[in-house]
Amino acid sequence: MSIATILIALVVGFIAWKLLVGLVKFGALALIAVAAIYFLSQGGFA
């Protein structure tokens, strides 16, 4: 493997990791929002 190949692999891996972390954060926020809406629609947290 050449240095260029290794560098490209690192960049692709870094971008994939950033996308994955972004998706996880977005999914967590969406889950919290849906849970909050569900609880509110059920008459609050009582």
N, C-alpha and C. Protein backbone atom coordinates (compact mmCIF):
# COMPACT_ATOMS: atom_id res chain seq x y z
N MET A 1 0.84 -1.20 0.00
CA MET A 1 0.00 0.00 0.00
C MET A 1 0.87 1.24 0.00
N SER A 2 0.51 2.19 -0.84
CA SER A 2 1.27 3.44 -0.90
C SER A 2 0.76 4.41 0.16
N ILE A 3 1.52 5.47 0.39
CA ILE A 3 1.14 6.47 1.38
C ILE A 3 -0.17 7.14 0.95
N ALA A 4 -0.34 7.39 -0.34
CA ALA A 4 -1.57 8.02 -0.84
C ALA A 4 -2.79 7.15 -0.53
N THR A 5 -2.65 5.85 -0.72
CA THR A 5 -3.76 4.94 -0.45
C THR A 5 -4.14 4.98 1.02
N ILE A 6 -3.12 4.99 1.89
CA ILE A 6 -3.36 5.04 3.33
C ILE A 6 -4.04 6.35 3.70
N LEU A 7 -3.58 7.46 3.13
CA LEU A 7 -4.17 8.77 3.42
C LEU A 7 -5.63 8.82 2.98
N ILE A 8 -5.91 8.31 1.79
CA ILE A 8 -7.30 8.28 1.29
C ILE A 8 -8.18 7.43 2.22
N ALA A 9 -7.65 6.30 2.65
CA ALA A 9 -8.41 5.43 3.55
C ALA A 9 -8.70 6.14 4.87
N LEU A 10 -7.72 6.87 5.40
CA LEU A 10 -7.91 7.61 6.64
C LEU A 10 -8.97 8.70 6.48
N VAL A 11 -8.91 9.43 5.38
CA VAL A 11 -9.89 10.50 5.12
C VAL A 11 -11.30 9.92 5.00
N VAL A 12 -11.43 8.84 4.22
CA VAL A 12 -12.75 8.20 4.05
C VAL A 12 -13.27 7.69 5.40
N GLY A 13 -12.40 7.07 6.18
CA GLY A 13 -12.79 6.58 7.50
C GLY A 13 -13.22 7.71 8.41
N PHE A 14 -12.49 8.84 8.36
CA PHE A 14 -12.81 10.00 9.19
C PHE A 14 -14.18 10.56 8.82
N ILE A 15 -14.44 10.70 7.54
CA ILE A 15 -15.73 11.22 7.07
C ILE A 15 -16.86 10.27 7.48
N ALA A 16 -16.64 8.98 7.29
CA ALA A 16 -17.65 7.98 7.67
C ALA A 16 -17.95 8.06 9.16
N TRP A 17 -16.89 8.22 9.99
CA TRP A 17 -17.06 8.32 11.44
C TRP A 17 -17.86 9.56 11.80
N LYS A 18 -17.53 10.70 11.15
CA LYS A 18 -18.26 11.95 11.41
C LYS A 18 -19.74 11.78 11.06
N LEU A 19 -20.03 11.15 9.91
CA LEU A 19 -21.41 10.93 9.50
C LEU A 19 -22.13 10.04 10.50
N LEU A 20 -21.45 8.98 10.95
CA LEU A 20 -22.04 8.04 11.89
C LEU A 20 -22.38 8.74 13.21
N VAL A 21 -21.42 9.52 13.73
CA VAL A 21 -21.65 10.24 14.99
C VAL A 21 -22.79 11.24 14.82
N GLY A 22 -22.83 11.93 13.66
CA GLY A 22 -23.90 12.88 13.39
C GLY A 22 -25.26 12.21 13.36
N LEU A 23 -25.32 11.04 12.72
CA LEU A 23 -26.58 10.30 12.64
C LEU A 23 -27.03 9.83 14.02
N VAL A 24 -26.09 9.37 14.84
CA VAL A 24 -26.43 8.91 16.19
C VAL A 24 -26.99 10.07 17.01
N LYS A 25 -26.30 11.25 16.94
CA LYS A 25 -26.78 12.42 17.68
C LYS A 25 -28.17 12.83 17.20
N PHE A 26 -28.38 12.85 15.87
CA PHE A 26 -29.67 13.23 15.31
C PHE A 26 -30.74 12.24 15.75
N GLY A 27 -30.41 10.96 15.72
CA GLY A 27 -31.35 9.92 16.13
C GLY A 27 -31.73 10.06 17.60
N ALA A 28 -30.76 10.36 18.45
CA ALA A 28 -31.03 10.54 19.88
C ALA A 28 -31.94 11.75 20.10
N LEU A 29 -31.64 12.86 19.40
CA LEU A 29 -32.48 14.06 19.53
C LEU A 29 -33.90 13.78 19.05
N ALA A 30 -34.02 13.07 17.93
CA ALA A 30 -35.34 12.74 17.38
C ALA A 30 -36.11 11.86 18.37
N LEU A 31 -35.42 10.89 18.98
CA LEU A 31 -36.05 9.99 19.94
C LEU A 31 -36.56 10.76 21.15
N ILE A 32 -35.75 11.69 21.66
CA ILE A 32 -36.15 12.51 22.81
C ILE A 32 -37.35 13.37 22.44
N ALA A 33 -37.32 13.97 21.24
CA ALA A 33 -38.44 14.82 20.79
C ALA A 33 -39.72 14.01 20.69
N VAL A 34 -39.65 12.82 20.09
CA VAL A 34 -40.83 11.97 19.94
C VAL A 34 -41.35 11.55 21.32
N ALA A 35 -40.45 11.21 22.24
CA ALA A 35 -40.87 10.82 23.59
C ALA A 35 -41.56 11.98 24.30
N ALA A 36 -41.00 13.20 24.15
CA ALA A 36 -41.60 14.38 24.79
C ALA A 36 -42.99 14.65 24.23
N ILE A 37 -43.13 14.57 22.91
CA ILE A 37 -44.44 14.79 22.28
C ILE A 37 -45.43 13.72 22.74
N TYR A 38 -44.98 12.48 22.85
CA TYR A 38 -45.84 11.39 23.29
C TYR A 38 -46.34 11.64 24.71
N PHE A 39 -45.41 12.00 25.62
CA PHE A 39 -45.79 12.25 27.01
C PHE A 39 -46.76 13.41 27.11
N LEU A 40 -46.48 14.50 26.34
CA LEU A 40 -47.36 15.67 26.36
C LEU A 40 -48.74 15.32 25.84
N SER A 41 -48.81 14.49 24.79
CA SER A 41 -50.10 14.12 24.21
C SER A 41 -50.89 13.20 25.15
N GLN A 42 -50.18 12.54 26.07
CA GLN A 42 -50.84 11.66 27.04
C GLN A 42 -51.31 12.45 28.27
N GLY A 43 -51.09 13.75 28.29
CA GLY A 43 -51.53 14.56 29.42
C GLY A 43 -50.40 14.91 30.36
N GLY A 44 -49.20 15.08 29.82
CA GLY A 44 -48.07 15.49 30.64
C GLY A 44 -47.41 14.31 31.32
N PHE A 45 -46.58 14.61 32.34
CA PHE A 45 -45.77 13.58 33.01
C PHE A 45 -46.46 13.03 34.25
N ALA A 46 -47.72 13.37 34.47
CA ALA A 46 -48.44 12.92 35.66
C ALA A 46 -48.74 11.43 35.59
